């Protein structure tokens, strides 16, 4: 009898726990970036929370490929003219081929104005504004997709919810100021450089890193001016909204699409940095579409995946470059899956090449017969290849791609070539070298084990820390004091100034005392000499 009562009590407690745990939070995702690769990572975060049982509303400009029944998407699409203009911008960026991200950002600053304002326009949409105007909506957390759009965090103030910034990169200067993360320029390289394992930065690297840091701060100041204007335009009519500088102090956490322990750079991070590198990689691959599965299943000599990302399309490439790529790939014994948007105008016909306008990239890379991934060195693609242990041939174009390709090369995971100066011979030799030399496959396979070895998976980290912020109503106790300090105080300039004043005062006092002593000595009468 006692045993039965005890059992019933335990069942009752378990039921209460399950019911309580099943009450999902209302989460708002502001994923307005115009980059499809950004949206993949951000929607992967949203999907992890939806699968947990939370109700997620997402505001997006692009149509997400990743969906879930508990994700309600409010899409504010670009017009046809804007879509064509954006395509032209990506084409221009691809032709610049700037190896330095800061140089590329300044070069494209005028063009970035278009993207900046189109991202802001999404928040002006009636359906989006209704999320805070209509009191029927209530949110427990806001996820703000980072695209130099700091003003977007003001939306969290409007819906009275804590905010987590979702970034598609490692912690860097334009993110660190949100959570008070230290810069450490003497040994933490920026996005354009990498330091080999077991080595420090050379004098030249440290000098360049320092100058780059200044350059990023200048860029940040220019960007801040734009952000302040948009923040005032969006929320300036509300007297209860804080000043822009105060709003910038409200980020609870930043989710970074990185994993420093395996990828580097090894650096100190405040508790507000949560690394979720690999969030877009599925725990269990989804079955491939029948045509792709059949094509790969019959690849007796292995297969190659070729994808240059979602921003730069085949039509953006030089026809001569495309022809050179086809001439090499069509003569390989391996089968090739080539991401190509216009299936009516393919580079050429070959039995060993399958063209597809869309590819389940993560699922294909998980397939055992893929022996090489030819890519543009986008962060997402390199992450997926590292996770699945696939060697790479990277042909970077712009933004962080050159740095990603350089880091991949230094780790021994593959080779890099310039897409703008691509020649058949170098392309053919690079492919043969990677396929024929097992050192690349061995290096990336070894890294894959390290990359997967963590106390929490990327999904578990997203779920735990999102719910942590909700439970503790913003988790203000995690914030670094640096967020609330002025530039002068944060760098101890006032302390140095006081010490300098004390030192100068001491030196002047010492000088005055010495003068007095000398004057006293010189004023004493001289004794007459006795002969």
Protein backbone atom coordinates (compact mmCIF):
# COMPACT_ATOMS: atom_id res chain seq x y z
CA UNK A 1 0.00 0.00 0.00
CA UNK A 2 2.77 2.41 1.02
CA UNK A 3 4.71 1.42 -2.11
CA UNK A 4 1.71 2.22 -4.33
CA UNK A 5 1.19 5.63 -2.70
CA UNK A 6 4.90 6.39 -3.12
CA UNK A 7 4.76 5.34 -6.76
CA UNK A 8 1.70 7.55 -7.38
CA UNK A 9 3.45 10.53 -5.77
CA UNK A 10 6.53 10.05 -7.95
CA UNK A 11 4.35 9.83 -11.06
CA UNK A 12 2.55 13.02 -10.03
CA UNK A 13 5.87 14.86 -9.56
CA UNK A 14 7.12 13.59 -12.93
CA UNK A 15 3.89 14.72 -14.60
CA UNK A 16 4.20 18.22 -13.12
CA UNK A 17 7.82 18.44 -14.29
CA UNK A 18 6.88 17.31 -17.78
CA UNK A 19 3.96 19.71 -18.00
CA UNK A 20 6.09 22.60 -16.74
CA UNK A 21 8.93 21.69 -19.10
CA UNK A 22 6.49 21.51 -22.00
CA UNK A 23 5.46 25.15 -21.68
CA UNK A 24 7.47 26.67 -24.48
CA UNK A 25 8.70 30.25 -24.44
CA UNK A 26 7.80 32.77 -27.14
CA UNK A 27 10.98 33.65 -29.03
CA UNK A 28 11.41 36.27 -31.76
CA UNK A 29 14.18 35.91 -34.34
CA UNK A 30 15.14 39.02 -36.34
CA UNK A 31 17.11 37.42 -39.19
CA UNK A 32 17.08 40.19 -41.79
CA UNK A 33 20.52 39.65 -43.36
CA UNK A 34 20.61 39.54 -47.16
CA UNK A 35 23.10 36.65 -47.13
CA UNK A 36 21.58 33.15 -47.50
CA UNK A 37 24.57 31.62 -45.69
CA UNK A 38 23.87 33.84 -42.65
CA UNK A 39 20.22 32.78 -42.69
CA UNK A 40 21.16 29.08 -42.66
CA UNK A 41 23.06 29.45 -39.38
CA UNK A 42 20.43 31.70 -37.82
CA UNK A 43 17.52 29.45 -38.82
CA UNK A 44 19.44 26.46 -37.44
CA UNK A 45 19.41 28.25 -34.07
CA UNK A 46 15.68 28.87 -34.41
CA UNK A 47 15.02 25.25 -35.38
CA UNK A 48 16.93 23.91 -32.36
CA UNK A 49 14.70 25.99 -30.08
CA UNK A 50 11.54 25.02 -31.97
CA UNK A 51 12.42 21.34 -31.65
CA UNK A 52 12.82 21.94 -27.93
CA UNK A 53 9.16 23.01 -27.82
CA UNK A 54 9.45 26.78 -27.95
CA UNK A 55 7.27 28.96 -30.17
CA UNK A 56 9.51 30.85 -32.59
CA UNK A 57 8.56 33.77 -34.80
CA UNK A 58 11.12 34.75 -37.43
CA UNK A 59 11.34 37.99 -39.42
CA UNK A 60 13.30 37.46 -42.62
CA UNK A 61 13.95 39.17 -45.94
CA UNK A 62 15.00 35.97 -47.70
CA UNK A 63 12.94 32.80 -47.83
CA UNK A 64 14.47 30.31 -45.36
CA UNK A 65 15.38 26.81 -46.56
CA UNK A 66 15.27 25.56 -42.96
CA UNK A 67 11.76 25.36 -41.54
CA UNK A 68 9.82 23.80 -38.67
CA UNK A 69 6.14 23.51 -37.78
CA UNK A 70 6.67 25.69 -34.69
CA UNK A 71 8.47 28.45 -36.61
CA UNK A 72 6.22 31.21 -37.94
CA UNK A 73 8.05 33.13 -40.68
CA UNK A 74 7.20 36.73 -41.51
CA UNK A 75 8.99 37.35 -44.81
CA UNK A 76 9.48 40.90 -46.05
CA UNK A 77 10.84 40.11 -49.53
CA UNK A 78 12.88 42.39 -51.75
CA UNK A 79 11.33 43.74 -54.91
CA UNK A 80 12.43 42.29 -58.25
CA UNK A 81 14.53 45.39 -58.91
CA UNK A 82 16.21 45.19 -55.50
CA UNK A 83 16.94 41.49 -55.99
CA UNK A 84 18.64 42.21 -59.32
CA UNK A 85 20.59 45.09 -57.77
CA UNK A 86 21.76 42.86 -54.90
CA UNK A 87 22.88 40.20 -57.39
CA UNK A 88 24.93 42.85 -59.17
CA UNK A 89 26.57 43.89 -55.90
CA UNK A 90 27.67 40.34 -55.15
CA UNK A 91 29.05 40.07 -58.67
CA UNK A 92 31.14 43.23 -58.14
CA UNK A 93 32.39 41.97 -54.78
CA UNK A 94 33.43 38.70 -56.41
CA UNK A 95 35.49 40.53 -59.04
CA UNK A 96 37.37 42.69 -56.51
CA UNK A 97 38.89 39.61 -54.85
CA UNK A 98 40.18 41.65 -51.89
CA UNK A 99 42.25 39.43 -49.60
CA UNK A 100 41.87 41.85 -46.74
CA UNK A 101 38.37 42.00 -45.26
CA UNK A 102 38.80 45.53 -43.91
CA UNK A 103 39.88 46.80 -47.34
CA UNK A 104 36.89 45.04 -48.90
CA UNK A 105 34.52 46.58 -46.35
CA UNK A 106 35.77 50.12 -47.03
CA UNK A 107 35.78 49.52 -50.80
CA UNK A 108 32.18 48.33 -50.73
CA UNK A 109 31.04 50.90 -48.16
CA UNK A 110 28.89 52.78 -50.67
CA UNK A 111 27.27 49.58 -51.90
CA UNK A 112 26.77 48.38 -48.32
CA UNK A 113 24.50 51.39 -47.81
CA UNK A 114 21.93 49.63 -50.00
CA UNK A 115 22.08 46.42 -47.96
CA UNK A 116 22.10 48.34 -44.69
CA UNK A 117 18.89 50.21 -45.49
CA UNK A 118 17.11 47.19 -46.97
CA UNK A 119 17.73 45.33 -43.71
CA UNK A 120 16.29 48.30 -41.81
CA UNK A 121 13.26 48.49 -44.13
CA UNK A 122 12.19 45.02 -43.00
CA UNK A 123 11.57 46.35 -39.49
CA UNK A 124 9.28 49.08 -40.88
CA UNK A 125 6.87 46.53 -42.36
CA UNK A 126 3.39 46.75 -40.82
CA UNK A 127 3.38 43.07 -39.87
CA UNK A 128 6.73 43.45 -38.10
CA UNK A 129 5.77 46.64 -36.27
CA UNK A 130 2.59 44.90 -35.16
CA UNK A 131 4.76 42.55 -33.08
CA UNK A 132 5.27 45.34 -30.53
CA UNK A 133 2.31 47.59 -31.29
CA UNK A 134 -0.21 44.78 -30.78
CA UNK A 135 -0.34 43.96 -27.06
CA UNK A 136 -1.55 40.43 -27.87
CA UNK A 137 2.04 39.54 -28.75
CA UNK A 138 4.42 38.69 -25.94
CA UNK A 139 8.03 37.54 -26.25
CA UNK A 140 10.41 36.05 -23.69
CA UNK A 141 13.55 36.38 -25.82
CA UNK A 142 14.77 38.15 -28.97
CA UNK A 143 17.44 36.67 -31.23
CA UNK A 144 19.08 39.42 -33.30
CA UNK A 145 20.94 38.25 -36.40
CA UNK A 146 24.15 40.29 -36.67
CA UNK A 147 24.85 42.13 -39.93
CA UNK A 148 26.34 45.43 -38.65
CA UNK A 149 22.74 46.26 -37.66
CA UNK A 150 23.16 47.11 -33.98
CA UNK A 151 20.00 49.26 -34.04
CA UNK A 152 17.99 46.05 -34.37
CA UNK A 153 18.58 45.31 -30.67
CA UNK A 154 16.21 48.20 -29.96
CA UNK A 155 13.39 45.88 -31.00
CA UNK A 156 14.03 43.88 -27.83
CA UNK A 157 13.41 47.04 -25.82
CA UNK A 158 10.08 47.52 -27.58
CA UNK A 159 8.87 44.01 -26.75
CA UNK A 160 10.46 44.16 -23.26
CA UNK A 161 12.55 41.01 -23.71
CA UNK A 162 16.26 40.17 -23.31
CA UNK A 163 18.32 39.91 -26.49
CA UNK A 164 20.91 37.42 -27.72
CA UNK A 165 22.95 38.40 -30.79
CA UNK A 166 23.47 35.59 -33.32
CA UNK A 167 26.74 36.08 -35.25
CA UNK A 168 28.05 33.96 -38.12
CA UNK A 169 31.71 34.44 -37.20
CA UNK A 170 34.15 34.10 -34.34
CA UNK A 171 34.36 36.90 -31.73
CA UNK A 172 36.01 39.94 -33.37
CA UNK A 173 36.28 43.67 -32.87
CA UNK A 174 32.84 44.59 -34.23
CA UNK A 175 31.24 42.06 -31.86
CA UNK A 176 33.45 42.34 -28.80
CA UNK A 177 32.15 45.77 -27.82
CA UNK A 178 28.65 44.31 -27.32
CA UNK A 179 29.70 42.07 -24.46
CA UNK A 180 32.96 43.66 -23.28
CA UNK A 181 35.22 41.00 -24.75
CA UNK A 182 38.95 41.86 -24.55
CA UNK A 183 40.81 42.62 -27.79
CA UNK A 184 44.27 41.21 -26.97
CA UNK A 185 45.77 42.39 -30.28
CA UNK A 186 49.24 41.13 -29.39
CA UNK A 187 48.30 37.47 -29.81
CA UNK A 188 44.71 37.26 -31.13
CA UNK A 189 44.72 37.78 -34.91
CA UNK A 190 41.82 39.45 -36.67
CA UNK A 191 39.68 37.69 -39.27
CA UNK A 192 42.27 38.24 -42.00
CA UNK A 193 45.12 36.29 -40.45
CA UNK A 194 45.75 33.04 -38.66
CA UNK A 195 48.51 31.80 -36.38
CA UNK A 196 49.80 28.27 -36.70
CA UNK A 197 49.42 25.98 -33.71
CA UNK A 198 52.23 26.34 -31.18
CA UNK A 199 53.41 29.66 -32.59
CA UNK A 200 52.95 33.26 -31.53
CA UNK A 201 52.50 36.27 -33.76
CA UNK A 202 55.61 37.74 -35.35
CA UNK A 203 56.46 41.44 -34.98
CA UNK A 204 55.14 42.07 -38.48
CA UNK A 205 51.86 40.26 -37.72
CA UNK A 206 51.44 42.16 -34.46
CA UNK A 207 52.09 45.49 -36.17
CA UNK A 208 49.59 44.72 -38.95
CA UNK A 209 47.10 43.42 -36.40
CA UNK A 210 47.39 46.64 -34.39
CA UNK A 211 46.90 48.82 -37.47
CA UNK A 212 43.98 46.65 -38.58
CA UNK A 213 42.46 47.12 -35.15
CA UNK A 214 42.60 50.88 -35.62
CA UNK A 215 41.06 50.49 -39.06
CA UNK A 216 38.17 48.42 -37.71
CA UNK A 217 37.55 51.00 -35.00
CA UNK A 218 37.34 53.73 -37.63
CA UNK A 219 34.92 51.58 -39.62
CA UNK A 220 32.92 50.91 -36.44
CA UNK A 221 32.60 54.66 -35.80
CA UNK A 222 31.31 55.27 -39.32
CA UNK A 223 28.88 52.37 -38.96
CA UNK A 224 27.78 53.69 -35.56
CA UNK A 225 26.68 56.95 -37.19
CA UNK A 226 24.42 55.04 -39.60
CA UNK A 227 23.06 52.87 -36.82
CA UNK A 228 22.18 55.88 -34.69
CA UNK A 229 20.26 57.43 -37.58
CA UNK A 230 18.25 54.26 -38.25
CA UNK A 231 17.66 53.70 -34.52
CA UNK A 232 16.21 57.21 -34.25
CA UNK A 233 14.16 56.70 -37.42
CA UNK A 234 12.67 53.42 -36.15
CA UNK A 235 12.20 54.15 -32.46
CA UNK A 236 12.71 57.90 -32.01
CA UNK A 237 9.00 58.57 -31.53
CA UNK A 238 8.98 56.55 -28.29
CA UNK A 239 10.11 58.64 -25.28
CA UNK A 240 10.54 55.47 -23.22
CA UNK A 241 13.28 54.13 -25.48
CA UNK A 242 16.84 54.55 -24.12
CA UNK A 243 19.58 56.46 -25.89
CA UNK A 244 21.41 54.49 -28.56
CA UNK A 245 24.55 54.14 -26.40
CA UNK A 246 22.48 52.74 -23.51
CA UNK A 247 20.61 50.34 -25.78
CA UNK A 248 23.98 48.92 -26.90
CA UNK A 249 24.64 47.73 -23.34
CA UNK A 250 21.69 45.34 -23.25
CA UNK A 251 23.00 42.26 -25.09
CA UNK A 252 22.80 39.25 -22.77
CA UNK A 253 24.95 36.93 -24.90
CA UNK A 254 26.46 36.56 -28.33
CA UNK A 255 26.18 33.21 -30.12
CA UNK A 256 29.31 32.89 -32.30
CA UNK A 257 29.53 30.36 -35.14
CA UNK A 258 32.98 29.18 -34.06
CA UNK A 259 34.76 26.66 -31.83
CA UNK A 260 38.03 28.18 -30.65
CA UNK A 261 39.29 25.06 -28.83
CA UNK A 262 39.65 23.24 -32.14
CA UNK A 263 39.65 26.01 -34.77
CA UNK A 264 41.51 28.74 -32.92
CA UNK A 265 42.50 31.34 -32.17
CA UNK A 266 42.96 30.45 -28.51
CA UNK A 267 41.90 33.57 -26.66
CA UNK A 268 40.14 34.73 -23.48
CA UNK A 269 36.38 35.16 -23.80
CA UNK A 270 33.96 36.62 -21.28
CA UNK A 271 31.00 34.41 -20.22
CA UNK A 272 28.80 36.32 -22.67
CA UNK A 273 30.49 34.59 -25.63
CA UNK A 274 28.83 31.25 -26.41
CA UNK A 275 30.39 29.33 -29.29
CA UNK A 276 27.98 27.30 -31.42
CA UNK A 277 30.19 26.40 -34.38
CA UNK A 278 28.57 23.67 -36.47
CA UNK A 279 25.00 24.51 -35.42
CA UNK A 280 23.84 23.94 -39.01
CA UNK A 281 25.25 20.40 -39.16
CA UNK A 282 22.61 17.75 -38.56
CA UNK A 283 23.17 15.08 -35.90
CA UNK A 284 21.71 12.55 -38.34
CA UNK A 285 21.90 13.33 -42.09
CA UNK A 286 18.62 13.56 -43.98
CA UNK A 287 18.25 11.02 -46.82
CA UNK A 288 19.42 12.51 -50.11
CA UNK A 289 17.06 13.26 -53.01
CA UNK A 290 16.70 10.08 -55.15
CA UNK A 291 18.59 11.45 -58.18
CA UNK A 292 21.58 12.56 -56.07
CA UNK A 293 21.62 9.35 -54.03
CA UNK A 294 21.60 7.23 -57.20
CA UNK A 295 24.29 9.39 -58.81
CA UNK A 296 26.59 9.09 -55.78
CA UNK A 297 25.78 5.42 -55.22
CA UNK A 298 27.21 4.60 -58.63
CA UNK A 299 30.39 6.62 -58.08
CA UNK A 300 32.85 3.72 -58.04
CA UNK A 301 35.87 6.06 -57.93
CA UNK A 302 34.40 8.49 -55.44
CA UNK A 303 32.76 11.86 -55.99
CA UNK A 304 33.45 15.59 -55.79
CA UNK A 305 31.08 18.30 -54.57
CA UNK A 306 31.47 21.74 -56.15
CA UNK A 307 29.60 24.69 -54.65
CA UNK A 308 30.64 28.33 -54.69
CA UNK A 309 27.99 29.37 -52.19
CA UNK A 310 24.68 31.17 -52.43
CA UNK A 311 25.80 34.77 -52.99
CA UNK A 312 27.93 34.32 -56.11
CA UNK A 313 26.08 32.44 -58.84
CA UNK A 314 27.36 30.77 -61.99
CA UNK A 315 26.27 33.71 -64.14
CA UNK A 316 28.57 35.97 -62.11
CA UNK A 317 31.65 34.00 -63.18
CA UNK A 318 33.65 34.64 -66.31
CA UNK A 319 32.52 32.27 -69.12
CA UNK A 320 36.18 31.51 -69.79
CA UNK A 321 36.70 30.45 -66.15
CA UNK A 322 33.59 28.27 -66.22
CA UNK A 323 34.77 26.59 -69.42
CA UNK A 324 38.19 25.86 -67.88
CA UNK A 325 36.53 24.28 -64.85
CA UNK A 326 34.29 22.14 -67.05
CA UNK A 327 37.20 20.99 -69.22
CA UNK A 328 39.01 19.66 -66.14
CA UNK A 329 36.05 18.20 -64.26
CA UNK A 330 34.52 16.44 -67.27
CA UNK A 331 37.73 14.42 -67.79
CA UNK A 332 37.93 13.09 -64.20
CA UNK A 333 37.04 9.52 -63.33
CA UNK A 334 35.28 10.78 -60.21
CA UNK A 335 31.65 11.88 -60.38
CA UNK A 336 30.98 15.60 -59.80
CA UNK A 337 27.93 17.29 -58.27
CA UNK A 338 28.02 20.92 -59.39
CA UNK A 339 25.77 23.59 -57.88
CA UNK A 340 24.55 25.55 -60.89
CA UNK A 341 21.53 27.86 -60.88
CA UNK A 342 20.52 27.99 -64.57
CA UNK A 343 19.89 24.40 -65.65
CA UNK A 344 18.98 25.57 -69.17
CA UNK A 345 22.46 27.02 -69.64
CA UNK A 346 24.91 24.61 -68.02
CA UNK A 347 28.69 24.74 -68.64
CA UNK A 348 28.47 21.56 -70.75
CA UNK A 349 27.21 17.99 -70.80
CA UNK A 350 29.21 15.13 -69.32
CA UNK A 351 28.18 11.74 -67.92
CA UNK A 352 30.21 12.29 -64.77
CA UNK A 353 28.65 15.69 -63.90
CA UNK A 354 25.28 16.28 -62.24
CA UNK A 355 24.08 19.90 -62.10
CA UNK A 356 21.64 21.07 -59.43
CA UNK A 357 20.34 24.57 -58.62
CA UNK A 358 19.98 23.65 -54.94
CA UNK A 359 21.96 21.13 -52.89
CA UNK A 360 21.55 19.69 -49.38
CA UNK A 361 25.23 20.45 -48.83
CA UNK A 362 25.54 19.13 -45.27
CA UNK A 363 23.84 15.83 -46.17
CA UNK A 364 25.99 15.37 -49.29
CA UNK A 365 29.22 16.01 -47.36
CA UNK A 366 28.16 13.36 -44.87
CA UNK A 367 28.04 10.81 -47.72
CA UNK A 368 30.99 8.42 -47.61
CA UNK A 369 31.81 8.60 -51.33
CA UNK A 370 32.53 12.35 -51.31
CA UNK A 371 36.32 12.64 -51.54
CA UNK A 372 36.73 16.37 -52.21
CA UNK A 373 34.79 19.58 -51.61
CA UNK A 374 35.53 22.45 -54.02
CA UNK A 375 34.22 25.61 -52.38
CA UNK A 376 34.49 29.40 -52.05
CA UNK A 377 35.76 29.22 -48.43
CA UNK A 378 32.53 30.41 -46.87
CA UNK A 379 32.52 29.85 -43.11
CA UNK A 380 29.47 27.57 -43.24
CA UNK A 381 30.82 25.30 -45.98
CA UNK A 382 34.26 24.95 -44.40
CA UNK A 383 32.65 24.15 -41.06
CA UNK A 384 30.54 21.37 -42.60
CA UNK A 385 33.54 19.91 -44.44
CA UNK A 386 35.63 19.98 -41.25
CA UNK A 387 32.84 18.28 -39.32
CA UNK A 388 32.52 15.47 -41.89
CA UNK A 389 36.27 15.17 -42.45
CA UNK A 390 36.38 16.10 -46.16
CA UNK A 391 39.48 17.68 -47.75
CA UNK A 392 38.95 20.91 -49.67
CA UNK A 393 40.02 23.02 -52.61
CA UNK A 394 39.01 26.60 -51.80
CA UNK A 395 38.67 29.48 -54.28
CA UNK A 396 37.82 32.51 -52.10
CA UNK A 397 36.24 35.66 -53.47
CA UNK A 398 35.54 38.33 -50.81
CA UNK A 399 34.73 39.15 -47.19
CA UNK A 400 36.14 36.59 -44.71
CA UNK A 401 36.64 33.96 -47.42
CA UNK A 402 40.38 34.60 -48.09
CA UNK A 403 41.10 34.34 -44.35
CA UNK A 404 39.03 31.15 -44.07
CA UNK A 405 40.88 29.63 -47.00
CA UNK A 406 44.26 30.60 -45.56
CA UNK A 407 43.44 29.06 -42.18
CA UNK A 408 42.19 25.89 -43.86
CA UNK A 409 45.41 25.64 -45.91
CA UNK A 410 47.66 26.20 -42.87
CA UNK A 411 45.89 23.39 -41.03
CA UNK A 412 46.66 21.05 -43.93
CA UNK A 413 43.04 20.38 -44.93
CA UNK A 414 43.55 21.20 -48.61
CA UNK A 415 44.75 23.78 -51.12
CA UNK A 416 43.63 27.21 -52.35
CA UNK A 417 43.49 28.81 -55.79
CA UNK A 418 42.36 32.17 -57.16
CA UNK A 419 39.10 31.88 -59.05
CA UNK A 420 39.80 35.09 -60.99
CA UNK A 421 43.12 33.80 -62.37
CA UNK A 422 42.18 30.11 -62.62
CA UNK A 423 43.97 28.06 -65.26
CA UNK A 424 43.21 24.49 -66.35
CA UNK A 425 46.62 23.13 -65.43
CA UNK A 426 46.71 24.53 -61.88
CA UNK A 427 43.08 23.47 -61.30
CA UNK A 428 43.76 19.93 -62.54
CA UNK A 429 46.99 19.58 -60.55
CA UNK A 430 45.37 20.82 -57.33
CA UNK A 431 42.53 18.30 -57.63
CA UNK A 432 44.92 15.42 -58.37
CA UNK A 433 47.19 16.41 -55.47
CA UNK A 434 44.34 16.42 -52.93
CA UNK A 435 42.76 13.20 -54.23
CA UNK A 436 46.10 11.40 -54.56
CA UNK A 437 47.80 12.50 -51.34
CA UNK A 438 46.21 11.00 -48.20
CA UNK A 439 47.75 13.65 -45.91
CA UNK A 440 44.89 16.08 -46.54
CA UNK A 441 42.16 13.58 -45.78
CA UNK A 442 44.04 12.36 -42.69
CA UNK A 443 44.53 15.89 -41.35
CA UNK A 444 40.90 16.93 -41.69
CA UNK A 445 39.62 13.57 -40.39
CA UNK A 446 41.76 13.95 -37.28
CA UNK A 447 40.46 17.48 -36.82
CA UNK A 448 36.87 16.24 -37.21
CA UNK A 449 37.23 14.14 -34.06
CA UNK A 450 38.55 17.16 -32.15
CA UNK A 451 35.82 19.43 -33.51
CA UNK A 452 33.07 17.07 -32.34
CA UNK A 453 34.55 16.51 -28.88
CA UNK A 454 32.78 19.02 -26.61
CA UNK A 455 30.77 18.86 -23.38
CA UNK A 456 27.65 20.17 -25.13
CA UNK A 457 26.77 19.99 -28.81
CA UNK A 458 26.06 23.24 -30.63
CA UNK A 459 22.32 22.58 -30.38
CA UNK A 460 22.51 21.79 -26.67
CA UNK A 461 24.49 25.00 -26.09
CA UNK A 462 21.88 27.08 -27.94
CA UNK A 463 19.04 25.52 -25.97
CA UNK A 464 20.71 25.69 -22.55
CA UNK A 465 21.91 29.30 -22.80
CA UNK A 466 18.74 30.61 -24.43
CA UNK A 467 16.67 29.11 -21.63
CA UNK A 468 19.23 30.36 -19.08
CA UNK A 469 18.75 33.94 -20.29
CA UNK A 470 14.97 33.50 -20.17
CA UNK A 471 15.06 31.97 -16.66
CA UNK A 472 17.24 34.74 -15.30
CA UNK A 473 15.48 37.55 -17.16
CA UNK A 474 18.40 38.66 -19.25
CA UNK A 475 21.17 37.24 -17.05
CA UNK A 476 22.62 40.69 -16.34
CA UNK A 477 25.03 39.08 -13.86
CA UNK A 478 26.96 37.60 -16.81
CA UNK A 479 27.81 41.00 -18.27
CA UNK A 480 31.39 42.18 -18.25
CA UNK A 481 31.90 45.49 -16.36
CA UNK A 482 33.67 46.68 -19.50
CA UNK A 483 30.28 47.16 -21.20
CA UNK A 484 29.39 49.91 -18.73
CA UNK A 485 32.76 51.68 -18.69
CA UNK A 486 33.85 54.65 -20.77
CA UNK A 487 36.73 54.39 -23.23
CA UNK A 488 38.96 56.36 -20.84
CA UNK A 489 38.15 54.20 -17.81
CA UNK A 490 38.30 50.91 -19.75
CA UNK A 491 41.85 51.68 -20.87
CA UNK A 492 42.97 53.17 -17.50
CA UNK A 493 43.87 56.45 -19.20
CA UNK A 494 42.67 58.37 -16.13
CA UNK A 495 44.90 56.23 -13.91
CA UNK A 496 47.87 56.77 -16.21
CA UNK A 497 47.13 60.52 -16.24
CA UNK A 498 47.09 60.65 -12.43
CA UNK A 499 50.33 58.68 -12.20
CA UNK A 500 51.89 61.00 -14.79
CA UNK A 501 50.78 64.06 -12.80
CA UNK A 502 52.21 62.56 -9.59
CA UNK A 503 55.46 61.73 -11.35
CA UNK A 504 55.76 65.22 -12.83
CA UNK A 505 54.92 66.75 -9.43
CA UNK A 506 57.56 64.56 -7.76
CA UNK A 507 60.16 65.51 -10.36
CA UNK A 508 59.36 69.22 -10.00
CA UNK A 509 59.44 68.92 -6.21
CA UNK A 510 62.77 67.10 -6.37
CA UNK A 511 64.13 69.75 -8.70
CA UNK A 512 62.97 72.53 -6.33
CA UNK A 513 64.53 70.81 -3.29
CA UNK A 514 67.82 70.36 -5.12
CA UNK A 515 67.79 74.03 -6.10
CA UNK A 516 67.19 75.05 -2.45
CA UNK A 517 70.03 72.84 -1.26
CA UNK A 518 72.38 74.24 -3.89
CA UNK A 519 71.36 77.79 -3.02
CA UNK A 520 71.94 77.13 0.69
CA UNK A 521 75.36 75.70 0.05
CA UNK A 522 76.40 78.53 -2.22
CA UNK A 523 75.24 81.21 0.26
CA UNK A 524 77.47 80.00 3.16
CA UNK A 525 80.56 82.28 3.80
CA UNK A 526 83.85 80.73 2.87
CA UNK A 527 86.35 80.24 5.66
CA UNK A 528 89.71 82.03 5.30
CA UNK A 529 92.56 79.74 4.62
CA UNK A 530 95.22 79.49 7.37
CA UNK A 531 98.80 79.52 6.14
